[in-house]
């Protein structure tokens, strides 16, 4: 894929991101209605070199940090939420792989630079549920006599399944008495990998987050990114980076969705002029107060995201728990913002002809993205009490 309009990192302006949001918003309702994957959006992101935002400069990418990624994800997600979700996961996976690049990363990075490679993880399973809650994955990695690995298992919520070029698959190895847990890099078109079209959700309908069956998938020896005992320092260190980037990027996604809903609300309040009022709804004090509450919640969101991303990028350090709390607060604020918007728009807001009800359905998904609120609050309570 060619780069017709490459955007160096320094020139990803607010104006260009606003234009991209509007471009993706123009087709978002159709993708939501049909639950169709937004292929054209990722072609566009590739043209703009934004798939390679967090690919290191040493590998030809833009070398962006967490603040850069959060800014782009928020804008893209405000246009089409499923695109923003997969883009966030792609940025996170590049950050994870580039921290300790194996022999395959040069090819993966080059694909992103050329605008044709997207990454995501396969962690959740129908039986296990969310991996963050613990337990051993049912997906088994078996070392073959020639050094290669065979994978067998069943994964859930494979966001971006039509286009993901490489999956980071959570699997177990070792023995029942001495299990090991690790990640294996699996090409999206590997023989034995089958996408099962199961996704039919209230929100993020265009994400194609189907289930995937791994039946005798064989990969090269170097595809295993390290197996360690559960709870080992190596796994905890790897998990810390994932939790920080995941928490902030998921927060940025849902903040972007809430801002898109706020923008529609403002347009509605200025253009809707009931005959019995004789003026725009924006002149009504009660509705002005609701708009003010929404702006205040958005201010909280922006402050939390910007502070967390800056601390992660500048080396002063960001605790994974802090990132979890940011995710919890921002996603709850996003739902509250859109609930407030619906409360003052009545049937107009709930009509499928308006984007507000879609933004609300998408925002509800933030509650179930790991880490979920009960886990975050339990972790925060334990830390506060020193137990």
Protein backbone atom coordinates (compact mmCIF):
# COMPACT_ATOMS: atom_id res chain seq x y z
CA UNK A 1 0.00 0.00 0.00
CA UNK A 2 1.38 3.38 -0.92
CA UNK A 3 1.61 6.35 1.40
CA UNK A 4 -0.22 9.04 -0.54
CA UNK A 5 -0.28 11.51 2.34
CA UNK A 6 2.23 10.49 5.02
CA UNK A 7 1.95 12.36 8.28
CA UNK A 8 5.22 12.64 10.25
CA UNK A 9 4.58 12.57 13.96
CA UNK A 10 5.31 16.26 14.43
CA UNK A 11 2.64 17.13 11.87
CA UNK A 12 -0.28 15.09 13.19
CA UNK A 13 -2.16 18.29 13.93
CA UNK A 14 -5.42 18.68 15.76
CA UNK A 15 -6.95 19.75 12.46
CA UNK A 16 -5.81 16.61 10.66
CA UNK A 17 -7.13 14.40 13.44
CA UNK A 18 -10.45 16.24 13.42
CA UNK A 19 -10.66 15.63 9.69
CA UNK A 20 -9.92 11.97 10.16
CA UNK A 21 -12.59 11.70 12.84
CA UNK A 22 -15.15 13.26 10.51
CA UNK A 23 -14.10 10.98 7.66
CA UNK A 24 -14.58 7.85 9.74
CA UNK A 25 -17.80 9.14 11.29
CA UNK A 26 -19.36 9.43 7.84
CA UNK A 27 -19.50 5.63 7.45
CA UNK A 28 -19.75 4.60 11.11
CA UNK A 29 -23.54 4.21 11.21
CA UNK A 30 -23.50 1.89 8.20
CA UNK A 31 -20.83 -0.33 9.74
CA UNK A 32 -22.77 -0.40 13.00
CA UNK A 33 -26.02 -1.32 11.26
CA UNK A 34 -24.47 -4.10 9.19
CA UNK A 35 -21.85 -5.16 11.77
CA UNK A 36 -19.36 -4.84 8.91
CA UNK A 37 -15.65 -4.39 9.46
CA UNK A 38 -14.29 -0.94 8.44
CA UNK A 39 -11.56 -2.07 6.03
CA UNK A 40 -11.34 1.35 4.37
CA UNK A 41 -10.52 3.01 7.70
CA UNK A 42 -7.41 0.90 8.11
CA UNK A 43 -6.39 1.50 4.53
CA UNK A 44 -6.60 5.20 5.31
CA UNK A 45 -4.61 4.86 8.54
CA UNK A 46 -1.96 2.99 6.58
CA UNK A 47 -1.79 5.74 3.97
CA UNK A 48 -1.23 8.28 6.73
CA UNK A 49 1.50 6.14 8.35
CA UNK A 50 -0.53 5.98 11.55
CA UNK A 51 -0.41 2.19 11.86
CA UNK A 52 3.31 2.67 12.54
CA UNK A 53 2.88 5.41 15.15
CA UNK A 54 4.45 3.37 17.97
CA UNK A 55 6.91 1.45 15.82
CA UNK A 56 10.40 2.60 16.88
CA UNK A 57 12.26 4.94 14.54
CA UNK A 58 15.03 2.35 14.36
CA UNK A 59 12.53 0.13 12.53
CA UNK A 60 11.23 2.88 10.26
CA UNK A 61 8.24 3.92 12.37
CA UNK A 62 7.27 7.24 13.91
CA UNK A 63 8.55 6.36 17.39
CA UNK A 64 5.53 7.79 19.17
CA UNK A 65 4.92 7.40 22.87
CA UNK A 66 1.83 6.80 24.93
CA UNK A 67 0.68 10.43 24.79
CA UNK A 68 0.85 10.39 20.99
CA UNK A 69 -1.01 7.10 20.82
CA UNK A 70 -3.73 8.25 23.22
CA UNK A 71 -4.29 11.41 21.19
CA UNK A 72 -4.74 9.51 17.92
CA UNK A 73 -6.88 6.76 19.46
CA UNK A 74 -9.23 9.33 20.99
CA UNK A 75 -9.75 11.07 17.66
CA UNK A 76 -10.15 7.88 15.63
CA UNK A 77 -12.45 6.32 18.24
CA UNK A 78 -14.61 9.41 18.22
CA UNK A 79 -15.17 8.82 14.52
CA UNK A 80 -15.65 5.05 14.54
CA UNK A 81 -15.23 3.26 17.85
CA UNK A 82 -14.26 -0.19 16.58
CA UNK A 83 -11.47 1.31 14.48
CA UNK A 84 -10.19 3.12 17.55
CA UNK A 85 -10.23 -0.05 19.63
CA UNK A 86 -8.18 -2.11 17.19
CA UNK A 87 -5.79 0.79 16.62
CA UNK A 88 -5.25 1.03 20.39
CA UNK A 89 -4.45 -2.69 20.56
CA UNK A 90 -2.09 -2.38 17.59
CA UNK A 91 -0.19 0.43 19.35
CA UNK A 92 0.00 -1.58 22.56
CA UNK A 93 1.28 -4.71 20.81
CA UNK A 94 4.01 -2.77 19.01
CA UNK A 95 5.07 -1.27 22.32
CA UNK A 96 5.21 -4.75 23.85
CA UNK A 97 7.13 -6.40 21.01
CA UNK A 98 9.58 -3.58 20.37
CA UNK A 99 10.68 -3.54 24.01
CA UNK A 100 12.46 -6.84 23.36
CA UNK A 101 12.28 -7.41 19.60
CA UNK A 102 12.66 -10.97 18.44
CA UNK A 103 13.74 -12.17 15.01
CA UNK A 104 10.25 -11.69 13.52
CA UNK A 105 9.78 -8.08 14.58
CA UNK A 106 11.64 -6.55 11.63
CA UNK A 107 9.08 -8.04 9.25
CA UNK A 108 6.17 -7.00 11.49
CA UNK A 109 7.46 -3.44 11.81
CA UNK A 110 8.02 -3.19 8.07
CA UNK A 111 4.45 -4.29 7.42
CA UNK A 112 3.18 -1.51 9.69
CA UNK A 113 5.40 1.06 7.99
CA UNK A 114 4.05 -0.06 4.62
CA UNK A 115 0.50 0.34 5.94
CA UNK A 116 -0.53 -3.29 5.75
CA UNK A 117 0.17 -4.83 9.15
CA UNK A 118 -2.05 -4.79 12.25
CA UNK A 119 -1.35 -6.54 15.56
CA UNK A 120 -3.59 -7.72 18.37
CA UNK A 121 -3.58 -10.21 21.24
CA UNK A 122 -5.58 -13.37 21.82
CA UNK A 123 -5.93 -13.79 25.58
CA UNK A 124 -9.56 -14.33 26.60
CA UNK A 125 -11.16 -17.75 26.19
CA UNK A 126 -14.78 -18.93 26.36
CA UNK A 127 -14.01 -21.10 29.37
CA UNK A 128 -11.35 -18.96 31.08
CA UNK A 129 -12.95 -15.56 30.58
CA UNK A 130 -10.66 -12.56 30.99
CA UNK A 131 -7.02 -13.54 31.52
CA UNK A 132 -6.47 -10.66 33.94
CA UNK A 133 -8.56 -12.50 36.57
CA UNK A 134 -6.01 -15.30 36.73
CA UNK A 135 -6.14 -18.96 35.91
CA UNK A 136 -4.26 -20.91 33.30
CA UNK A 137 -5.21 -20.51 29.65
CA UNK A 138 -6.71 -23.58 28.02
CA UNK A 139 -4.71 -22.95 24.85
CA UNK A 140 -1.74 -25.33 24.87
CA UNK A 141 1.65 -24.75 23.25
CA UNK A 142 3.53 -28.00 22.62
CA UNK A 143 7.23 -28.06 21.70
CA UNK A 144 7.84 -30.32 18.71
CA UNK A 145 10.93 -32.43 18.14
CA UNK A 146 12.25 -30.00 15.52
CA UNK A 147 11.99 -27.03 17.91
CA UNK A 148 8.82 -25.56 16.46
CA UNK A 149 5.65 -25.02 18.47
CA UNK A 150 2.15 -26.42 17.98
CA UNK A 151 -0.85 -24.53 19.37
CA UNK A 152 -4.28 -25.93 20.11
CA UNK A 153 -7.06 -23.96 21.76
CA UNK A 154 -10.06 -21.69 21.51
CA UNK A 155 -9.91 -17.90 21.91
CA UNK A 156 -12.61 -15.26 22.30
CA UNK A 157 -12.99 -11.56 21.45
CA UNK A 158 -10.51 -11.52 18.56
CA UNK A 159 -10.98 -7.86 17.66
CA UNK A 160 -10.00 -7.12 14.08
CA UNK A 161 -10.11 -10.75 13.00
CA UNK A 162 -10.53 -9.94 9.26
CA UNK A 163 -7.23 -8.04 8.98
CA UNK A 164 -4.91 -8.84 11.90
CA UNK A 165 -1.58 -9.94 10.48
CA UNK A 166 -0.12 -11.36 13.69
CA UNK A 167 -1.72 -12.47 16.94
CA UNK A 168 0.05 -12.52 20.29
CA UNK A 169 -1.50 -15.68 21.69
CA UNK A 170 -1.54 -16.38 25.43
CA UNK A 171 -0.85 -20.08 25.98
CA UNK A 172 0.41 -22.54 28.54
CA UNK A 173 3.21 -25.06 28.27
CA UNK A 174 5.15 -27.28 30.68
CA UNK A 175 3.41 -29.96 32.70
CA UNK A 176 0.31 -30.02 34.94
CA UNK A 177 2.63 -30.13 37.95
CA UNK A 178 4.89 -27.34 36.67
CA UNK A 179 2.89 -25.18 34.24
CA UNK A 180 4.40 -22.33 32.28
CA UNK A 181 2.61 -19.34 30.76
CA UNK A 182 3.75 -17.27 27.81
CA UNK A 183 2.94 -15.64 24.51
CA UNK A 184 3.36 -17.06 21.02
CA UNK A 185 3.37 -14.98 17.84
CA UNK A 186 0.98 -16.50 15.31
CA UNK A 187 0.40 -15.20 11.74
CA UNK A 188 -3.20 -14.27 11.08
CA UNK A 189 -3.36 -16.58 8.07
CA UNK A 190 -1.63 -19.53 9.73
CA UNK A 191 -2.82 -22.96 8.67
CA UNK A 192 -5.15 -24.36 11.32
CA UNK A 193 -6.35 -20.94 12.52
CA UNK A 194 -10.08 -20.59 11.94
CA UNK A 195 -12.25 -17.53 12.61
CA UNK A 196 -15.68 -18.40 13.98
CA UNK A 197 -18.18 -15.58 13.25
CA UNK A 198 -19.77 -15.26 16.68
CA UNK A 199 -19.71 -11.49 17.33
CA UNK A 200 -23.21 -9.96 17.59
CA UNK A 201 -22.92 -7.30 20.25
CA UNK A 202 -24.86 -4.24 21.34
CA UNK A 203 -21.78 -2.03 20.96
CA UNK A 204 -18.56 -2.00 18.94
CA UNK A 205 -20.51 -3.93 16.35
CA UNK A 206 -17.96 -3.29 13.59
CA UNK A 207 -15.04 -4.74 15.55
CA UNK A 208 -15.43 -8.33 14.27
CA UNK A 209 -14.42 -9.58 17.73
CA UNK A 210 -15.16 -13.16 16.79
CA UNK A 211 -13.90 -16.38 18.36
CA UNK A 212 -10.86 -18.15 16.94
CA UNK A 213 -10.03 -21.83 16.94
CA UNK A 214 -6.40 -22.93 16.88
CA UNK A 215 -6.22 -26.51 15.63
CA UNK A 216 -2.69 -27.78 15.26
CA UNK A 217 -1.23 -24.38 14.34
CA UNK A 218 2.54 -24.79 13.92
CA UNK A 219 4.93 -21.84 14.20
CA UNK A 220 8.70 -21.47 14.17
CA UNK A 221 10.77 -21.84 17.32
CA UNK A 222 11.42 -18.09 17.51
CA UNK A 223 7.70 -17.33 17.63
CA UNK A 224 7.59 -18.19 21.35
CA UNK A 225 8.20 -14.98 23.26
CA UNK A 226 9.12 -16.65 26.52
CA UNK A 227 7.38 -19.08 28.89
CA UNK A 228 7.62 -18.59 32.65
CA UNK A 229 5.95 -19.92 35.80
CA UNK A 230 2.69 -18.14 36.69
CA UNK A 231 3.38 -15.13 38.90
CA UNK A 232 7.08 -15.01 38.00
CA UNK A 233 8.93 -11.65 38.02
CA UNK A 234 9.31 -11.88 34.24
CA UNK A 235 5.57 -12.16 33.68
CA UNK A 236 4.82 -9.41 36.21
CA UNK A 237 7.26 -7.02 34.51
CA UNK A 238 5.76 -7.74 31.10
CA UNK A 239 2.26 -7.34 32.50
CA UNK A 240 3.10 -3.96 34.04
CA UNK A 241 3.84 -2.39 30.66
CA UNK A 242 0.69 -3.90 29.18
CA UNK A 243 -1.48 -2.63 32.03
CA UNK A 244 -0.12 0.92 31.75
CA UNK A 245 -0.61 1.24 27.99
CA UNK A 246 -3.91 -0.66 28.01
CA UNK A 247 -5.37 1.44 30.82
CA UNK A 248 -4.51 4.78 29.22
CA UNK A 249 -5.42 3.83 25.65
CA UNK A 250 -8.77 2.30 26.61
CA UNK A 251 -9.48 5.47 28.58
CA UNK A 252 -8.58 7.59 25.55
CA UNK A 253 -10.86 5.55 23.30
CA UNK A 254 -13.94 5.99 25.47
CA UNK A 255 -13.17 9.63 26.15
CA UNK A 256 -13.13 10.13 22.38
CA UNK A 257 -16.51 8.41 22.07
CA UNK A 258 -17.95 10.64 24.81
CA UNK A 259 -16.61 13.77 23.11
CA UNK A 260 -18.24 12.77 19.84
CA UNK A 261 -21.55 12.44 21.69
CA UNK A 262 -21.02 15.83 23.34
CA UNK A 263 -20.41 17.44 19.94
CA UNK A 264 -23.64 16.01 18.52
CA UNK A 265 -25.50 17.22 21.60
CA UNK A 266 -24.25 20.76 21.13
CA UNK A 267 -25.41 20.77 17.53
CA UNK A 268 -28.81 19.47 18.55
CA UNK A 269 -29.28 22.04 21.32
CA UNK A 270 -28.40 24.90 18.98
CA UNK A 271 -30.58 23.79 16.06
CA UNK A 272 -33.64 22.41 17.88
CA UNK A 273 -36.14 25.25 18.38
CA UNK A 274 -39.48 24.04 19.78
CA UNK A 275 -42.38 26.23 18.76
CA UNK A 276 -43.55 26.62 22.35
CA UNK A 277 -40.11 27.95 23.33
CA UNK A 278 -39.45 30.20 20.39
CA UNK A 279 -35.69 29.84 20.80
CA UNK A 280 -33.00 27.20 20.62
CA UNK A 281 -32.80 24.65 23.41
CA UNK A 282 -29.29 25.93 24.10
CA UNK A 283 -30.87 28.98 25.74
CA UNK A 284 -32.61 26.94 28.45
CA UNK A 285 -30.76 27.27 31.81
CA UNK A 286 -31.52 23.70 32.93
CA UNK A 287 -30.01 22.30 29.75
CA UNK A 288 -27.05 24.64 30.06
CA UNK A 289 -26.42 23.14 33.48
CA UNK A 290 -26.38 19.62 32.05
CA UNK A 291 -23.97 20.75 29.33
CA UNK A 292 -21.78 22.21 32.05
CA UNK A 293 -21.76 18.94 33.98
CA UNK A 294 -20.70 17.12 30.81
CA UNK A 295 -17.85 19.59 30.23
CA UNK A 296 -16.68 19.12 33.79
CA UNK A 297 -16.57 15.34 33.41
CA UNK A 298 -14.66 15.72 30.14
CA UNK A 299 -12.18 17.99 31.91
CA UNK A 300 -11.61 15.29 34.52
CA UNK A 301 -11.07 12.72 31.77
CA UNK A 302 -8.60 14.87 29.84
CA UNK A 303 -6.64 15.73 32.97
CA UNK A 304 -6.37 12.07 34.02
CA UNK A 305 -5.35 10.81 30.55
CA UNK A 306 -2.83 13.58 29.85
CA UNK A 307 -1.18 13.28 33.26
CA UNK A 308 -0.91 9.48 33.09
CA UNK A 309 0.46 9.49 29.54
CA UNK A 310 3.01 12.19 30.35
CA UNK A 311 4.25 10.32 33.39
CA UNK A 312 4.58 7.11 31.41
CA UNK A 313 6.51 8.86 28.63
CA UNK A 314 8.85 11.16 30.56
CA UNK A 315 10.40 8.48 32.73
CA UNK A 316 9.01 9.70 36.04
CA UNK A 317 7.06 6.46 36.19
CA UNK A 318 3.44 5.42 36.22
CA UNK A 319 2.21 2.68 38.50
CA UNK A 320 0.06 0.07 36.71
CA UNK A 321 -2.62 0.51 39.37
CA UNK A 322 -2.78 4.23 38.56
CA UNK A 323 -3.42 3.36 34.90
CA UNK A 324 -6.14 0.92 35.95
CA UNK A 325 -7.82 3.64 38.00
CA UNK A 326 -7.66 6.05 35.07
CA UNK A 327 -9.38 3.46 32.89
CA UNK A 328 -12.06 2.91 35.54
CA UNK A 329 -12.78 6.60 36.09
CA UNK A 330 -12.75 7.67 32.45
CA UNK A 331 -14.93 4.84 31.17
CA UNK A 332 -17.49 5.46 33.91
CA UNK A 333 -17.44 9.18 33.14
CA UNK A 334 -17.97 8.43 29.45
CA UNK A 335 -21.12 6.43 30.17
CA UNK A 336 -22.35 9.16 32.52
CA UNK A 337 -21.71 11.86 29.90
CA UNK A 338 -23.72 10.05 27.25
CA UNK A 339 -26.45 9.17 29.74
CA UNK A 340 -26.78 12.86 30.56
CA UNK A 341 -26.93 13.70 26.86
CA UNK A 342 -29.70 11.16 26.31
CA UNK A 343 -31.60 12.47 29.31
CA UNK A 344 -32.12 15.86 27.68
CA UNK A 345 -32.57 14.82 24.05
CA UNK A 346 -35.46 12.39 24.52
CA UNK A 347 -36.62 10.49 21.46
CA UNK A 348 -34.24 12.43 19.24
CA UNK A 349 -31.22 11.03 21.07
CA UNK A 350 -32.52 7.46 21.01
CA UNK A 351 -33.48 7.56 17.34
CA UNK A 352 -31.25 5.36 15.20
CA UNK A 353 -30.92 8.29 12.81
CA UNK A 354 -28.75 10.08 15.38
CA UNK A 355 -25.29 8.88 16.41
CA UNK A 356 -25.93 9.49 20.13
CA UNK A 357 -27.53 6.12 20.84
CA UNK A 358 -24.65 4.37 19.02
CA UNK A 359 -22.08 6.29 21.05
CA UNK A 360 -23.92 5.22 24.19
CA UNK A 361 -23.97 1.55 23.18
CA UNK A 362 -20.27 1.71 22.33
CA UNK A 363 -19.46 3.41 25.62
CA UNK A 364 -21.16 0.66 27.61
CA UNK A 365 -18.50 -1.73 26.33
CA UNK A 366 -15.91 0.19 28.35
CA UNK A 367 -17.25 -1.40 31.50
CA UNK A 368 -16.36 -4.90 30.34
CA UNK A 369 -12.92 -4.14 28.93
CA UNK A 370 -10.28 -5.53 31.25
CA UNK A 371 -9.53 -4.55 33.90
CA UNK A 372 -13.12 -4.34 35.07
CA UNK A 373 -14.10 -2.02 37.87
CA UNK A 374 -14.40 -4.62 40.62
CA UNK A 375 -10.83 -5.74 39.94
CA UNK A 376 -9.53 -2.17 39.85
CA UNK A 377 -11.25 -1.18 43.09
CA UNK A 378 -10.13 -4.35 44.86
CA UNK A 379 -6.53 -3.68 43.83
CA UNK A 380 -6.81 -0.06 44.92
CA UNK A 381 -8.27 -1.05 48.27
CA UNK A 382 -5.55 -3.59 48.94
CA UNK A 383 -2.88 -1.02 48.09
CA UNK A 384 -4.47 1.61 50.31
CA UNK A 385 -4.77 -0.78 53.24
CA UNK A 386 -1.34 -2.33 52.73
CA UNK A 387 -2.72 -5.87 52.58
